[in-house]
Amino acid sequence: LAMITKNSASRVGPNIFRRVLQSSLQIPYNVMIIVNDGNDKTS
């Protein structure tokens, strides 16, 4: 799974961002590649 993000936790809130991540579990992936160009708690 690849996800690009920039301050996603700050923009949508940590709980909503976590629900987005949980929705990704419908796909059977084993590796997460995150490109995070922000400075908040997203990582």
PDB file of all heavy atoms in Angstrom:
ATOM      1  N   LEU A   1       0.858  -1.181   0.000  1.00  0.00           N
ATOM      2  CA  LEU A   1       0.000   0.000   0.000  1.00  0.00           C
ATOM      3  C   LEU A   1       0.893   1.228   0.000  1.00  0.00           C
ATOM      4  O   LEU A   1       1.877   1.277   0.740  1.00  0.00           O
ATOM      5  CB  LEU A   1      -0.883   0.016   1.257  1.00  0.00           C
ATOM      6  CG  LEU A   1      -1.699   1.286   1.441  1.00  0.00           C
ATOM      7  CD1 LEU A   1      -3.134   0.934   1.740  1.00  0.00           C
ATOM      8  CD2 LEU A   1      -1.115   2.148   2.541  1.00  0.00           C
ATOM      9  N   ALA A   2       0.589   2.202  -0.841  1.00  0.00           N
ATOM     10  CA  ALA A   2       1.325   3.463  -0.851  1.00  0.00           C
ATOM     11  C   ALA A   2       0.355   4.594  -0.530  1.00  0.00           C
ATOM     12  O   ALA A   2      -0.769   4.627  -1.027  1.00  0.00           O
ATOM     13  CB  ALA A   2       1.962   3.703  -2.212  1.00  0.00           C
ATOM     14  N   MET A   3       0.801   5.493   0.330  1.00  0.00           N
ATOM     15  CA  MET A   3      -0.036   6.630   0.694  1.00  0.00           C
ATOM     16  C   MET A   3       0.840   7.873   0.743  1.00  0.00           C
ATOM     17  O   MET A   3       1.929   7.847   1.314  1.00  0.00           O
ATOM     18  CB  MET A   3      -0.678   6.386   2.064  1.00  0.00           C
ATOM     19  CG  MET A   3      -1.643   7.457   2.490  1.00  0.00           C
ATOM     20  SD  MET A   3      -2.388   7.104   4.107  1.00  0.00           S
ATOM     21  CE  MET A   3      -3.477   5.773   3.657  1.00  0.00           C
ATOM     22  N   ILE A   4       0.366   8.931   0.109  1.00  0.00           N
ATOM     23  CA  ILE A   4       1.062  10.213   0.200  1.00  0.00           C
ATOM     24  C   ILE A   4       0.235  11.105   1.120  1.00  0.00           C
ATOM     25  O   ILE A   4      -0.996  11.113   1.060  1.00  0.00           O
ATOM     26  CB  ILE A   4       1.308  10.841  -1.181  1.00  0.00           C
ATOM     27  CG1 ILE A   4       0.015  11.082  -1.949  1.00  0.00           C
ATOM     28  CG2 ILE A   4       2.238   9.968  -2.005  1.00  0.00           C
ATOM     29  CD1 ILE A   4       0.203  11.815  -3.259  1.00  0.00           C
ATOM     30  N   THR A   5       0.919  11.813   1.989  1.00  0.00           N
ATOM     31  CA  THR A   5       0.217  12.606   2.984  1.00  0.00           C
ATOM     32  C   THR A   5       1.011  13.845   3.358  1.00  0.00           C
ATOM     33  O   THR A   5       2.237  13.870   3.229  1.00  0.00           O
ATOM     34  CB  THR A   5      -0.073  11.746   4.241  1.00  0.00           C
ATOM     35  OG1 THR A   5      -0.772  12.535   5.195  1.00  0.00           O
ATOM     36  CG2 THR A   5       1.184  11.211   4.860  1.00  0.00           C
ATOM     37  N   LYS A   6       0.287  14.829   3.795  1.00  0.00           N
ATOM     38  CA  LYS A   6       0.901  16.052   4.303  1.00  0.00           C
ATOM     39  C   LYS A   6      -0.036  16.614   5.372  1.00  0.00           C
ATOM     40  O   LYS A   6      -1.097  17.141   5.054  1.00  0.00           O
ATOM     41  CB  LYS A   6       1.123  17.073   3.187  1.00  0.00           C
ATOM     42  CG  LYS A   6       1.874  18.302   3.651  1.00  0.00           C
ATOM     43  CD  LYS A   6       2.187  19.222   2.491  1.00  0.00           C
ATOM     44  CE  LYS A   6       2.994  20.400   2.968  1.00  0.00           C
ATOM     45  NZ  LYS A   6       3.326  21.291   1.849  1.00  0.00           N
ATOM     46  N   ASN A   7       0.346  16.414   6.622  1.00  0.00           N
ATOM     47  CA  ASN A   7      -0.437  16.905   7.765  1.00  0.00           C
ATOM     48  C   ASN A   7      -1.869  16.372   7.783  1.00  0.00           C
ATOM     49  O   ASN A   7      -2.798  17.083   8.145  1.00  0.00           O
ATOM     50  CB  ASN A   7      -0.415  18.426   7.814  1.00  0.00           C
ATOM     51  CG  ASN A   7       0.989  18.960   7.977  1.00  0.00           C
ATOM     52  OD1 ASN A   7       1.812  18.372   8.670  1.00  0.00           O
ATOM     53  ND2 ASN A   7       1.294  20.062   7.328  1.00  0.00           N
ATOM     54  N   SER A   8      -2.037  15.126   7.394  1.00  0.00           N
ATOM     55  CA  SER A   8      -3.380  14.537   7.335  1.00  0.00           C
ATOM     56  C   SER A   8      -4.048  14.474   8.703  1.00  0.00           C
ATOM     57  O   SER A   8      -5.244  14.736   8.819  1.00  0.00           O
ATOM     58  CB  SER A   8      -3.327  13.135   6.744  1.00  0.00           C
ATOM     59  OG  SER A   8      -2.954  13.199   5.395  1.00  0.00           O
ATOM     60  N   ALA A   9      -3.315  14.125   9.739  1.00  0.00           N
ATOM     61  CA  ALA A   9      -3.907  14.036  11.078  1.00  0.00           C
ATOM     62  C   ALA A   9      -4.422  15.392  11.537  1.00  0.00           C
ATOM     63  O   ALA A   9      -5.470  15.480  12.171  1.00  0.00           O
ATOM     64  CB  ALA A   9      -2.903  13.474  12.071  1.00  0.00           C
ATOM     65  N   SER A  10      -3.708  16.459  11.208  1.00  0.00           N
ATOM     66  CA  SER A  10      -4.146  17.805  11.594  1.00  0.00           C
ATOM     67  C   SER A  10      -5.353  18.261  10.790  1.00  0.00           C
ATOM     68  O   SER A  10      -6.243  18.938  11.313  1.00  0.00           O
ATOM     69  CB  SER A  10      -3.019  18.816  11.397  1.00  0.00           C
ATOM     70  OG  SER A  10      -1.941  18.530  12.233  1.00  0.00           O
ATOM     71  N   ARG A  11      -5.406  17.896   9.527  1.00  0.00           N
ATOM     72  CA  ARG A  11      -6.481  18.363   8.649  1.00  0.00           C
ATOM     73  C   ARG A  11      -7.814  17.680   8.914  1.00  0.00           C
ATOM     74  O   ARG A  11      -8.847  18.321   8.919  1.00  0.00           O
ATOM     75  CB  ARG A  11      -6.098  18.176   7.194  1.00  0.00           C
ATOM     76  CG  ARG A  11      -5.016  19.129   6.778  1.00  0.00           C
ATOM     77  CD  ARG A  11      -4.719  19.010   5.311  1.00  0.00           C
ATOM     78  NE  ARG A  11      -3.656  19.936   4.971  1.00  0.00           N
ATOM     79  CZ  ARG A  11      -2.927  19.857   3.898  1.00  0.00           C
ATOM     80  NH1 ARG A  11      -3.150  18.891   3.025  1.00  0.00           N
ATOM     81  NH2 ARG A  11      -1.993  20.734   3.665  1.00  0.00           N
ATOM     82  N   VAL A  12      -7.796  16.358   9.087  1.00  0.00           N
ATOM     83  CA  VAL A  12      -9.067  15.632   9.255  1.00  0.00           C
ATOM     84  C   VAL A  12      -9.268  15.136  10.679  1.00  0.00           C
ATOM     85  O   VAL A  12     -10.352  14.664  11.012  1.00  0.00           O
ATOM     86  CB  VAL A  12      -9.183  14.439   8.280  1.00  0.00           C
ATOM     87  CG1 VAL A  12      -9.150  14.914   6.855  1.00  0.00           C
ATOM     88  CG2 VAL A  12      -8.119  13.392   8.541  1.00  0.00           C
ATOM     89  N   GLY A  13      -8.248  15.222  11.500  1.00  0.00           N
ATOM     90  CA  GLY A  13      -8.325  14.737  12.868  1.00  0.00           C
ATOM     91  C   GLY A  13      -7.774  13.329  12.962  1.00  0.00           C
ATOM     92  O   GLY A  13      -7.939  12.529  12.040  1.00  0.00           O
ATOM     93  N   PRO A  14      -7.123  13.013  14.077  1.00  0.00           N
ATOM     94  CA  PRO A  14      -6.483  11.709  14.204  1.00  0.00           C
ATOM     95  C   PRO A  14      -7.462  10.537  14.154  1.00  0.00           C
ATOM     96  O   PRO A  14      -7.133   9.482  13.623  1.00  0.00           O
ATOM     97  CB  PRO A  14      -5.764  11.781  15.549  1.00  0.00           C
ATOM     98  CG  PRO A  14      -6.216  13.015  16.218  1.00  0.00           C
ATOM     99  CD  PRO A  14      -6.882  13.878  15.219  1.00  0.00           C
ATOM    100  N   ASN A  15      -8.656  10.690  14.697  1.00  0.00           N
ATOM    101  CA  ASN A  15      -9.616   9.577  14.687  1.00  0.00           C
ATOM    102  C   ASN A  15     -10.112   9.263  13.285  1.00  0.00           C
ATOM    103  O   ASN A  15     -10.218   8.097  12.897  1.00  0.00           O
ATOM    104  CB  ASN A  15     -10.798   9.868  15.611  1.00  0.00           C
ATOM    105  CG  ASN A  15     -10.375   9.902  17.059  1.00  0.00           C
ATOM    106  OD1 ASN A  15      -9.408   9.258  17.451  1.00  0.00           O
ATOM    107  ND2 ASN A  15     -11.089  10.675  17.859  1.00  0.00           N
ATOM    108  N   ILE A  16     -10.400  10.286  12.505  1.00  0.00           N
ATOM    109  CA  ILE A  16     -10.855  10.068  11.132  1.00  0.00           C
ATOM    110  C   ILE A  16      -9.710   9.495  10.294  1.00  0.00           C
ATOM    111  O   ILE A  16      -9.914   8.576   9.500  1.00  0.00           O
ATOM    112  CB  ILE A  16     -11.412  11.366  10.508  1.00  0.00           C
ATOM    113  CG1 ILE A  16     -12.715  11.734  11.226  1.00  0.00           C
ATOM    114  CG2 ILE A  16     -11.634  11.217   9.009  1.00  0.00           C
ATOM    115  CD1 ILE A  16     -13.293  13.061  10.820  1.00  0.00           C
ATOM    116  N   PHE A  17      -8.503  10.012  10.490  1.00  0.00           N
ATOM    117  CA  PHE A  17      -7.367   9.497   9.737  1.00  0.00           C
ATOM    118  C   PHE A  17      -7.158   8.017  10.055  1.00  0.00           C
ATOM    119  O   PHE A  17      -6.911   7.203   9.173  1.00  0.00           O
ATOM    120  CB  PHE A  17      -6.106  10.302  10.036  1.00  0.00           C
ATOM    121  CG  PHE A  17      -4.922   9.871   9.225  1.00  0.00           C
ATOM    122  CD1 PHE A  17      -4.924  10.011   7.851  1.00  0.00           C
ATOM    123  CD2 PHE A  17      -3.821   9.294   9.828  1.00  0.00           C
ATOM    124  CE1 PHE A  17      -3.847   9.594   7.082  1.00  0.00           C
ATOM    125  CE2 PHE A  17      -2.743   8.877   9.085  1.00  0.00           C
ATOM    126  CZ  PHE A  17      -2.749   9.030   7.715  1.00  0.00           C
ATOM    127  N   ARG A  18      -7.297   7.634  11.306  1.00  0.00           N
ATOM    128  CA  ARG A  18      -7.150   6.232  11.692  1.00  0.00           C
ATOM    129  C   ARG A  18      -8.235   5.369  11.042  1.00  0.00           C
ATOM    130  O   ARG A  18      -7.966   4.251  10.602  1.00  0.00           O
ATOM    131  CB  ARG A  18      -7.189   6.094  13.209  1.00  0.00           C
ATOM    132  CG  ARG A  18      -6.887   4.711  13.663  1.00  0.00           C
ATOM    133  CD  ARG A  18      -6.521   4.675  15.120  1.00  0.00           C
ATOM    134  NE  ARG A  18      -6.401   3.327  15.580  1.00  0.00           N
ATOM    135  CZ  ARG A  18      -5.382   2.529  15.354  1.00  0.00           C
ATOM    136  NH1 ARG A  18      -4.364   2.952  14.649  1.00  0.00           N
ATOM    137  NH2 ARG A  18      -5.356   1.299  15.803  1.00  0.00           N
ATOM    138  N   ARG A  19      -9.448   5.891  10.918  1.00  0.00           N
ATOM    139  CA  ARG A  19     -10.518   5.141  10.242  1.00  0.00           C
ATOM    140  C   ARG A  19     -10.194   4.953   8.766  1.00  0.00           C
ATOM    141  O   ARG A  19     -10.519   3.919   8.176  1.00  0.00           O
ATOM    142  CB  ARG A  19     -11.867   5.822  10.419  1.00  0.00           C
ATOM    143  CG  ARG A  19     -12.448   5.556  11.802  1.00  0.00           C
ATOM    144  CD  ARG A  19     -13.856   6.011  11.878  1.00  0.00           C
ATOM    145  NE  ARG A  19     -13.844   7.474  11.909  1.00  0.00           N
ATOM    146  CZ  ARG A  19     -14.872   8.224  12.199  1.00  0.00           C
ATOM    147  NH1 ARG A  19     -16.045   7.689  12.455  1.00  0.00           N
ATOM    148  NH2 ARG A  19     -14.781   9.528  12.225  1.00  0.00           N
ATOM    149  N   VAL A  20      -9.574   5.937   8.151  1.00  0.00           N
ATOM    150  CA  VAL A  20      -9.146   5.796   6.752  1.00  0.00           C
ATOM    151  C   VAL A  20      -8.136   4.655   6.647  1.00  0.00           C
ATOM    152  O   VAL A  20      -8.228   3.804   5.757  1.00  0.00           O
ATOM    153  CB  VAL A  20      -8.540   7.113   6.223  1.00  0.00           C
ATOM    154  CG1 VAL A  20      -7.841   6.909   4.893  1.00  0.00           C
ATOM    155  CG2 VAL A  20      -9.609   8.188   6.111  1.00  0.00           C
ATOM    156  N   LEU A  21      -7.194   4.620   7.565  1.00  0.00           N
ATOM    157  CA  LEU A  21      -6.214   3.533   7.562  1.00  0.00           C
ATOM    158  C   LEU A  21      -6.897   2.183   7.753  1.00  0.00           C
ATOM    159  O   LEU A  21      -6.583   1.215   7.059  1.00  0.00           O
ATOM    160  CB  LEU A  21      -5.170   3.753   8.659  1.00  0.00           C
ATOM    161  CG  LEU A  21      -4.203   4.910   8.452  1.00  0.00           C
ATOM    162  CD1 LEU A  21      -3.383   5.146   9.711  1.00  0.00           C
ATOM    163  CD2 LEU A  21      -3.307   4.670   7.262  1.00  0.00           C
ATOM    164  N   GLN A  22      -7.853   2.111   8.662  1.00  0.00           N
ATOM    165  CA  GLN A  22      -8.561   0.853   8.902  1.00  0.00           C
ATOM    166  C   GLN A  22      -9.336   0.405   7.670  1.00  0.00           C
ATOM    167  O   GLN A  22      -9.427  -0.789   7.394  1.00  0.00           O
ATOM    168  CB  GLN A  22      -9.479   0.976  10.105  1.00  0.00           C
ATOM    169  CG  GLN A  22      -8.704   1.015  11.407  1.00  0.00           C
ATOM    170  CD  GLN A  22      -9.548   1.364  12.603  1.00  0.00           C
ATOM    171  OE1 GLN A  22     -10.547   2.075  12.487  1.00  0.00           O
ATOM    172  NE2 GLN A  22      -9.153   0.874  13.769  1.00  0.00           N
ATOM    173  N   SER A  23      -9.870   1.338   6.909  1.00  0.00           N
ATOM    174  CA  SER A  23     -10.613   0.973   5.697  1.00  0.00           C
ATOM    175  C   SER A  23      -9.693   0.338   4.652  1.00  0.00           C
ATOM    176  O   SER A  23     -10.143  -0.428   3.808  1.00  0.00           O
ATOM    177  CB  SER A  23     -11.338   2.177   5.102  1.00  0.00           C
ATOM    178  OG  SER A  23     -10.429   3.072   4.496  1.00  0.00           O
ATOM    179  N   SER A  24      -8.397   0.633   4.726  1.00  0.00           N
ATOM    180  CA  SER A  24      -7.445   0.045   3.776  1.00  0.00           C
ATOM    181  C   SER A  24      -7.254  -1.451   4.018  1.00  0.00           C
ATOM    182  O   SER A  24      -6.740  -2.152   3.152  1.00  0.00           O
ATOM    183  CB  SER A  24      -6.092   0.754   3.867  1.00  0.00           C
ATOM    184  OG  SER A  24      -5.407   0.402   5.063  1.00  0.00           O
ATOM    185  N   LEU A  25      -7.678  -1.950   5.170  1.00  0.00           N
ATOM    186  CA  LEU A  25      -7.474  -3.363   5.499  1.00  0.00           C
ATOM    187  C   LEU A  25      -8.314  -4.299   4.638  1.00  0.00           C
ATOM    188  O   LEU A  25      -8.136  -5.515   4.688  1.00  0.00           O
ATOM    189  CB  LEU A  25      -7.773  -3.603   6.982  1.00  0.00           C
ATOM    190  CG  LEU A  25      -6.802  -2.918   7.943  1.00  0.00           C
ATOM    191  CD1 LEU A  25      -7.303  -3.039   9.372  1.00  0.00           C
ATOM    192  CD2 LEU A  25      -5.402  -3.485   7.797  1.00  0.00           C
ATOM    193  N   GLN A  26      -9.196  -3.744   3.821  1.00  0.00           N
ATOM    194  CA  GLN A  26      -9.978  -4.560   2.893  1.00  0.00           C
ATOM    195  C   GLN A  26      -9.088  -5.168   1.812  1.00  0.00           C
ATOM    196  O   GLN A  26      -9.457  -6.156   1.183  1.00  0.00           O
ATOM    197  CB  GLN A  26     -11.085  -3.717   2.253  1.00  0.00           C
ATOM    198  CG  GLN A  26     -12.086  -3.199   3.259  1.00  0.00           C
ATOM    199  CD  GLN A  26     -13.056  -2.245   2.616  1.00  0.00           C
ATOM    200  OE1 GLN A  26     -13.411  -2.380   1.453  1.00  0.00           O
ATOM    201  NE2 GLN A  26     -13.503  -1.253   3.367  1.00  0.00           N
ATOM    202  N   ILE A  27      -7.919  -4.573   1.603  1.00  0.00           N
ATOM    203  CA  ILE A  27      -6.941  -5.073   0.639  1.00  0.00           C
ATOM    204  C   ILE A  27      -5.884  -5.853   1.422  1.00  0.00           C
ATOM    205  O   ILE A  27      -5.373  -5.357   2.426  1.00  0.00           O
ATOM    206  CB  ILE A  27      -6.261  -3.903  -0.115  1.00  0.00           C
ATOM    207  CG1 ILE A  27      -7.296  -3.031  -0.816  1.00  0.00           C
ATOM    208  CG2 ILE A  27      -5.199  -4.400  -1.074  1.00  0.00           C
ATOM    209  CD1 ILE A  27      -8.075  -3.712  -1.895  1.00  0.00           C
ATOM    210  N   PRO A  28      -5.515  -7.047   1.006  1.00  0.00           N
ATOM    211  CA  PRO A  28      -4.545  -7.862   1.760  1.00  0.00           C
ATOM    212  C   PRO A  28      -3.089  -7.457   1.491  1.00  0.00           C
ATOM    213  O   PRO A  28      -2.355  -8.136   0.791  1.00  0.00           O
ATOM    214  CB  PRO A  28      -4.828  -9.272   1.257  1.00  0.00           C
ATOM    215  CG  PRO A  28      -5.295  -9.065  -0.145  1.00  0.00           C
ATOM    216  CD  PRO A  28      -6.075  -7.780  -0.130  1.00  0.00           C
ATOM    217  N   TYR A  29      -2.660  -6.344   2.048  1.00  0.00           N
ATOM    218  CA  TYR A  29      -1.289  -5.881   1.838  1.00  0.00           C
ATOM    219  C   TYR A  29      -0.435  -6.199   3.063  1.00  0.00           C
ATOM    220  O   TYR A  29      -0.950  -6.362   4.171  1.00  0.00           O
ATOM    221  CB  TYR A  29      -1.258  -4.384   1.524  1.00  0.00           C
ATOM    222  CG  TYR A  29      -1.768  -3.497   2.639  1.00  0.00           C
ATOM    223  CD1 TYR A  29      -0.903  -3.004   3.595  1.00  0.00           C
ATOM    224  CD2 TYR A  29      -3.111  -3.154   2.729  1.00  0.00           C
ATOM    225  CE1 TYR A  29      -1.358  -2.198   4.617  1.00  0.00           C
ATOM    226  CE2 TYR A  29      -3.574  -2.350   3.742  1.00  0.00           C
ATOM    227  CZ  TYR A  29      -2.702  -1.868   4.683  1.00  0.00           C
ATOM    228  OH  TYR A  29      -3.157  -1.069   5.706  1.00  0.00           O
ATOM    229  N   ASN A  30       0.879  -6.270   2.842  1.00  0.00           N
ATOM    230  CA  ASN A  30       1.788  -6.535   3.952  1.00  0.00           C
ATOM    231  C   ASN A  30       2.813  -5.430   4.169  1.00  0.00           C
ATOM    232  O   ASN A  30       3.488  -5.411   5.179  1.00  0.00           O
ATOM    233  CB  ASN A  30       2.489  -7.885   3.767  1.00  0.00           C
ATOM    234  CG  ASN A  30       3.312  -7.949   2.498  1.00  0.00           C
ATOM    235  OD1 ASN A  30       3.178  -7.102   1.617  1.00  0.00           O
ATOM    236  ND2 ASN A  30       4.162  -8.948   2.387  1.00  0.00           N
ATOM    237  N   VAL A  31       2.928  -4.508   3.227  1.00  0.00           N
ATOM    238  CA  VAL A  31       3.893  -3.415   3.322  1.00  0.00           C
ATOM    239  C   VAL A  31       3.154  -2.091   3.126  1.00  0.00           C
ATOM    240  O   VAL A  31       2.314  -1.964   2.225  1.00  0.00           O
ATOM    241  CB  VAL A  31       4.986  -3.536   2.231  1.00  0.00           C
ATOM    242  CG1 VAL A  31       5.945  -2.358   2.279  1.00  0.00           C
ATOM    243  CG2 VAL A  31       5.744  -4.841   2.360  1.00  0.00           C
ATOM    244  N   MET A  32       3.496  -1.113   3.970  1.00  0.00           N
ATOM    245  CA  MET A  32       2.970   0.250   3.820  1.00  0.00           C
ATOM    246  C   MET A  32       4.124   1.162   3.442  1.00  0.00           C
ATOM    247  O   MET A  32       5.139   1.203   4.144  1.00  0.00           O
ATOM    248  CB  MET A  32       2.353   0.742   5.134  1.00  0.00           C
ATOM    249  CG  MET A  32       1.167  -0.050   5.602  1.00  0.00           C
ATOM    250  SD  MET A  32       0.573   0.522   7.222  1.00  0.00           S
ATOM    251  CE  MET A  32      -0.213   2.073   6.750  1.00  0.00           C
ATOM    252  N   ILE A  33       3.959   1.892   2.335  1.00  0.00           N
ATOM    253  CA  ILE A  33       4.937   2.891   1.914  1.00  0.00           C
ATOM    254  C   ILE A  33       4.260   4.241   2.080  1.00  0.00           C
ATOM    255  O   ILE A  33       3.269   4.528   1.416  1.00  0.00           O
ATOM    256  CB  ILE A  33       5.375   2.680   0.456  1.00  0.00           C
ATOM    257  CG1 ILE A  33       6.015   1.302   0.295  1.00  0.00           C
ATOM    258  CG2 ILE A  33       6.323   3.798   0.013  1.00  0.00           C
ATOM    259  CD1 ILE A  33       6.216   0.886  -1.146  1.00  0.00           C
ATOM    260  N   ILE A  34       4.797   5.056   2.970  1.00  0.00           N
ATOM    261  CA  ILE A  34       4.195   6.350   3.282  1.00  0.00           C
ATOM    262  C   ILE A  34       5.169   7.454   2.883  1.00  0.00           C
ATOM    263  O   ILE A  34       6.327   7.447   3.320  1.00  0.00           O
ATOM    264  CB  ILE A  34       3.877   6.474   4.786  1.00  0.00           C
ATOM    265  CG1 ILE A  34       3.073   5.274   5.279  1.00  0.00           C
ATOM    266  CG2 ILE A  34       3.191   7.796   5.091  1.00  0.00           C
ATOM    267  CD1 ILE A  34       1.723   5.091   4.658  1.00  0.00           C
ATOM    268  N   VAL A  35       4.705   8.370   2.060  1.00  0.00           N
ATOM    269  CA  VAL A  35       5.474   9.563   1.744  1.00  0.00           C
ATOM    270  C   VAL A  35       4.796  10.697   2.503  1.00  0.00           C
ATOM    271  O   VAL A  35       3.703  11.136   2.146  1.00  0.00           O
ATOM    272  CB  VAL A  35       5.511   9.856   0.224  1.00  0.00           C
ATOM    273  CG1 VAL A  35       6.325  11.107  -0.053  1.00  0.00           C
ATOM    274  CG2 VAL A  35       6.083   8.663  -0.527  1.00  0.00           C
ATOM    275  N   ASN A  36       5.419  11.110   3.597  1.00  0.00           N
ATOM    276  CA  ASN A  36       4.826  12.116   4.474  1.00  0.00           C
ATOM    277  C   ASN A  36       5.657  13.388   4.409  1.00  0.00           C
ATOM    278  O   ASN A  36       6.755  13.444   4.953  1.00  0.00           O
ATOM    279  CB  ASN A  36       4.757  11.589   5.911  1.00  0.00           C
ATOM    280  CG  ASN A  36       4.110  12.586   6.846  1.00  0.00           C
ATOM    281  OD1 ASN A  36       3.493  13.540   6.417  1.00  0.00           O
ATOM    282  ND2 ASN A  36       4.249  12.359   8.140  1.00  0.00           N
ATOM    283  N   ASP A  37       5.110  14.397   3.761  1.00  0.00           N
ATOM    284  CA  ASP A  37       5.808  15.668   3.628  1.00  0.00           C
ATOM    285  C   ASP A  37       5.333  16.703   4.637  1.00  0.00           C
ATOM    286  O   ASP A  37       5.612  17.888   4.510  1.00  0.00           O
ATOM    287  CB  ASP A  37       5.653  16.205   2.198  1.00  0.00           C
ATOM    288  CG  ASP A  37       6.433  15.365   1.203  1.00  0.00           C
ATOM    289  OD1 ASP A  37       7.494  14.843   1.566  1.00  0.00           O
ATOM    290  OD2 ASP A  37       5.968  15.229   0.057  1.00  0.00           O
ATOM    291  N   GLY A  38       4.602  16.267   5.653  1.00  0.00           N
ATOM    292  CA  GLY A  38       4.094  17.176   6.680  1.00  0.00           C
ATOM    293  C   GLY A  38       4.918  17.127   7.950  1.00  0.00           C
ATOM    294  O   GLY A  38       5.923  16.417   8.046  1.00  0.00           O
ATOM    295  N   ASN A  39       4.452  17.886   8.934  1.00  0.00           N
ATOM    296  CA  ASN A  39       5.175  18.004  10.197  1.00  0.00           C
ATOM    297  C   ASN A  39       4.296  17.729  11.414  1.00  0.00           C
ATOM    298  O   ASN A  39       4.679  18.075  12.521  1.00  0.00           O
ATOM    299  CB  ASN A  39       5.774  19.411  10.322  1.00  0.00           C
ATOM    300  CG  ASN A  39       6.772  19.703   9.226  1.00  0.00           C
ATOM    301  OD1 ASN A  39       7.609  18.875   8.927  1.00  0.00           O
ATOM    302  ND2 ASN A  39       6.666  20.865   8.611  1.00  0.00           N
ATOM    303  N   ASP A  40       3.141  17.133  11.231  1.00  0.00           N
ATOM    304  CA  ASP A  40       2.258  16.870  12.363  1.00  0.00           C
ATOM    305  C   ASP A  40       2.465  15.448  12.870  1.00  0.00           C
ATOM    306  O   ASP A  40       3.495  14.842  12.644  1.00  0.00           O
ATOM    307  CB  ASP A  40       0.794  17.145  11.988  1.00  0.00           C
ATOM    308  CG  ASP A  40       0.251  16.161  10.977  1.00  0.00           C
ATOM    309  OD1 ASP A  40       1.020  15.335  10.442  1.00  0.00           O
ATOM    310  OD2 ASP A  40      -0.959  16.201  10.720  1.00  0.00           O
ATOM    311  N   LYS A  41       1.478  14.894  13.565  1.00  0.00           N
ATOM    312  CA  LYS A  41       1.601  13.567  14.174  1.00  0.00           C
ATOM    313  C   LYS A  41       1.161  12.435  13.254  1.00  0.00           C
ATOM    314  O   LYS A  41       0.960  11.314  13.699  1.00  0.00           O
ATOM    315  CB  LYS A  41       0.779  13.533  15.456  1.00  0.00           C
ATOM    316  CG  LYS A  41       1.312  14.470  16.508  1.00  0.00           C
ATOM    317  CD  LYS A  41       0.531  14.368  17.782  1.00  0.00           C
ATOM    318  CE  LYS A  41       1.105  15.341  18.784  1.00  0.00           C
ATOM    319  NZ  LYS A  41       0.535  15.154  20.106  1.00  0.00           N
ATOM    320  N   THR A  42       1.030  12.699  11.979  1.00  0.00           N
ATOM    321  CA  THR A  42       0.590  11.680  11.040  1.00  0.00           C
ATOM    322  C   THR A  42       1.495  10.447  11.074  1.00  0.00           C
ATOM    323  O   THR A  42       1.019   9.320  11.129  1.00  0.00           O
ATOM    324  CB  THR A  42       0.517  12.257   9.615  1.00  0.00           C
ATOM    325  OG1 THR A  42      -0.430  13.340   9.609  1.00  0.00           O
ATOM    326  CG2 THR A  42       0.086  11.213   8.604  1.00  0.00           C
ATOM    327  N   SER A  43       2.795  10.641  11.062  1.00  0.00           N
ATOM    328  CA  SER A  43       3.725   9.502  11.058  1.00  0.00           C
ATOM    329  C   SER A  43       3.576   8.635  12.294  1.00  0.00           C
ATOM    330  O   SER A  43       3.622   7.409  12.208  1.00  0.00           O
ATOM    331  CB  SER A  43       5.171   9.986  10.943  1.00  0.00           C
ATOM    332  OG  SER A  43       5.418  10.467   9.648  1.00  0.00           O
TER     333      SER A  43
END
